Protein backbone atom coordinates (compact mmCIF):
# COMPACT_ATOMS: atom_id res chain seq x y z
CA MET A 1 -3.12 -28.61 -2.57
CA PRO A 2 -3.91 -24.94 -4.69
CA ARG A 3 -6.91 -26.49 -6.04
CA ALA A 4 -8.31 -27.35 -3.08
CA ILE A 5 -7.23 -23.99 -1.51
CA ALA A 6 -9.13 -22.41 -4.63
CA ARG A 7 -12.19 -24.69 -4.17
CA ALA A 8 -12.61 -23.74 -0.67
CA SER A 9 -12.32 -19.56 -1.40
CA GLY A 10 -14.90 -19.91 -3.97
CA LEU A 11 -12.21 -19.39 -6.72
CA ARG A 12 -11.92 -20.43 -10.51
CA PRO A 13 -9.37 -23.06 -10.28
CA GLN A 14 -6.25 -21.30 -10.34
CA ALA A 15 -3.53 -23.71 -8.95
CA ALA A 16 -0.80 -21.38 -10.47
CA LEU A 17 -1.91 -18.54 -9.07
CA VAL A 18 -2.82 -19.84 -5.66
CA ARG A 19 0.75 -21.06 -5.68
CA LEU A 20 2.47 -17.68 -6.60
CA TYR A 21 0.36 -16.57 -3.66
CA GLY A 22 1.82 -18.58 -1.53
CA LEU A 23 5.41 -17.99 -2.14
CA ARG A 24 4.27 -14.46 -2.03
CA GLU A 25 3.69 -15.28 1.58
CA ILE A 26 6.83 -17.34 2.19
CA ALA A 27 8.98 -14.61 0.86
CA THR A 28 7.34 -11.99 2.95
CA GLY A 29 7.96 -14.04 6.45
CA LEU A 30 11.41 -14.66 5.70
CA GLY A 31 11.79 -10.96 4.64
CA ILE A 32 10.13 -10.19 8.06
CA LEU A 33 11.94 -12.65 10.03
CA LYS A 34 15.62 -12.04 8.27
CA SER A 35 15.56 -8.54 7.94
CA ALA A 36 17.03 -5.75 10.02
CA ASP A 37 14.30 -3.21 9.20
CA ALA A 38 11.03 -5.28 8.85
CA ALA A 39 8.73 -2.53 8.09
CA PRO A 40 8.88 -2.82 4.09
CA TRP A 41 8.06 -6.58 4.03
CA LEU A 42 5.20 -6.13 6.76
CA TRP A 43 3.35 -3.69 4.49
CA ALA A 44 3.74 -6.00 1.29
CA ARG A 45 2.27 -8.11 3.53
CA VAL A 46 -0.69 -5.96 3.22
CA GLY A 47 -0.86 -5.08 0.18
CA GLY A 48 -0.45 -8.96 -0.46
CA ASP A 49 -4.00 -9.08 1.57
CA MET A 50 -5.36 -6.74 -0.87
CA LEU A 51 -4.26 -8.59 -3.81
CA ASP A 52 -6.07 -11.35 -2.25
CA ILE A 53 -9.08 -9.77 -1.47
CA ALA A 54 -9.38 -8.43 -5.20
CA THR A 55 -8.92 -11.94 -6.53
CA VAL A 56 -11.41 -13.36 -4.62
CA ALA A 57 -13.81 -10.21 -5.47
CA THR A 58 -12.89 -11.19 -9.39
CA GLY A 59 -12.07 -14.67 -9.49
CA ARG A 60 -15.37 -16.05 -7.95
CA SER A 61 -16.18 -19.34 -9.48
CA ARG A 62 -19.86 -19.75 -11.03
CA ARG A 63 -20.79 -22.43 -8.76
CA ALA A 64 -19.05 -21.17 -5.31
CA SER A 65 -22.18 -20.06 -3.01
CA SER A 66 -22.23 -16.45 -2.09
CA ALA A 67 -21.66 -17.33 1.36
CA ARG A 68 -18.27 -19.34 0.68
CA THR A 69 -16.85 -16.12 -1.30
CA SER A 70 -18.20 -14.12 1.74
CA THR A 71 -16.57 -15.80 4.41
CA THR A 72 -13.86 -16.03 2.41
CA GLN A 73 -13.41 -12.24 2.02
CA ALA A 74 -14.22 -11.79 5.84
CA ASN A 75 -11.47 -14.14 6.50
CA LEU A 76 -9.27 -11.50 4.25
CA ALA A 77 -10.26 -8.89 5.87
CA THR A 78 -9.45 -9.83 9.41
CA VAL A 79 -6.20 -10.89 8.39
CA ALA A 80 -5.27 -7.42 6.56
CA THR A 81 -6.44 -5.96 9.47
CA VAL A 82 -3.97 -7.62 11.90
CA ASP A 83 -1.40 -6.94 9.09
CA LEU A 84 -2.00 -3.08 8.89
CA TYR A 85 -2.03 -3.15 12.44
CA ALA A 86 1.66 -4.58 12.50
CA ALA A 87 3.04 -2.81 9.86
CA TYR A 88 1.57 0.62 11.96
CA ALA A 89 2.30 -0.69 15.55
CA TYR A 90 6.18 -1.64 14.26
CA ARG A 91 6.84 1.99 12.88
CA ARG A 92 5.52 3.66 15.68
CA ALA A 93 7.75 1.66 18.30
CA PRO A 94 11.28 2.50 16.63
CA ARG A 95 14.27 1.72 19.03
CA ARG A 96 15.52 4.49 20.94
CA PRO A 97 18.88 4.98 21.88
CA GLY A 98 20.43 4.64 25.00
CA ILE A 99 17.89 2.08 25.86
CA ASP A 100 19.52 -1.69 26.47
CA TYR A 101 17.33 -3.80 24.52
CA PRO A 102 17.94 -7.67 24.99
CA ASP A 103 20.01 -9.44 22.74
CA TYR A 104 18.64 -12.74 21.73
CA SER A 105 20.27 -13.55 18.55
CA ASP A 106 23.00 -15.95 20.01
CA ARG A 107 20.21 -18.06 21.51
CA SER A 108 18.77 -21.41 19.71
CA GLY A 109 16.16 -22.60 21.98
CA PHE A 110 17.72 -25.46 23.29
CA PRO A 111 18.55 -26.09 27.07
CA ARG A 112 22.61 -27.19 25.69
CA PRO A 113 24.55 -26.87 22.54
CA ALA A 114 23.71 -28.78 19.58
CA GLU A 115 26.98 -30.83 20.13
CA GLN A 116 26.08 -31.64 23.35
CA MET A 117 22.23 -32.41 22.65
CA ARG A 118 23.12 -35.38 20.20
CA GLY A 119 22.30 -38.61 21.53
CA THR A 120 20.45 -37.60 24.44
CA GLY A 121 16.72 -38.47 22.81
CA ARG A 122 15.41 -41.73 24.05
CA PRO A 123 14.83 -44.16 21.40
CA GLY A 124 11.05 -45.17 20.67
CA THR A 125 9.78 -41.87 22.07
CA ALA A 126 8.08 -39.67 20.20
């Protein structure tokens, strides 16, 4: 849906660019979730937000209303603010030695192991 996203944002049709930005978001999200130190990935999100804001500011379609691009800019600024807060908060709260932090890395979110859960679903229910 990159064309629809570009149109809704008030951008010129730039499907390839919107796809690249989507891949950037997926990559930073995976980096945040999989990395031992998420700080660089959180800052990458902030940088990506700045890039998004600049793209909307410079890539406005002639047919787009100023209200549409202003709304898009406001939404992007809100997301950038949240990402900036997350990046700063992550840096300010490092793990301190001597504290027993809970380790949830062995949990799957299921009440029993997957082998025991197989076949327990009721057919016909969604």
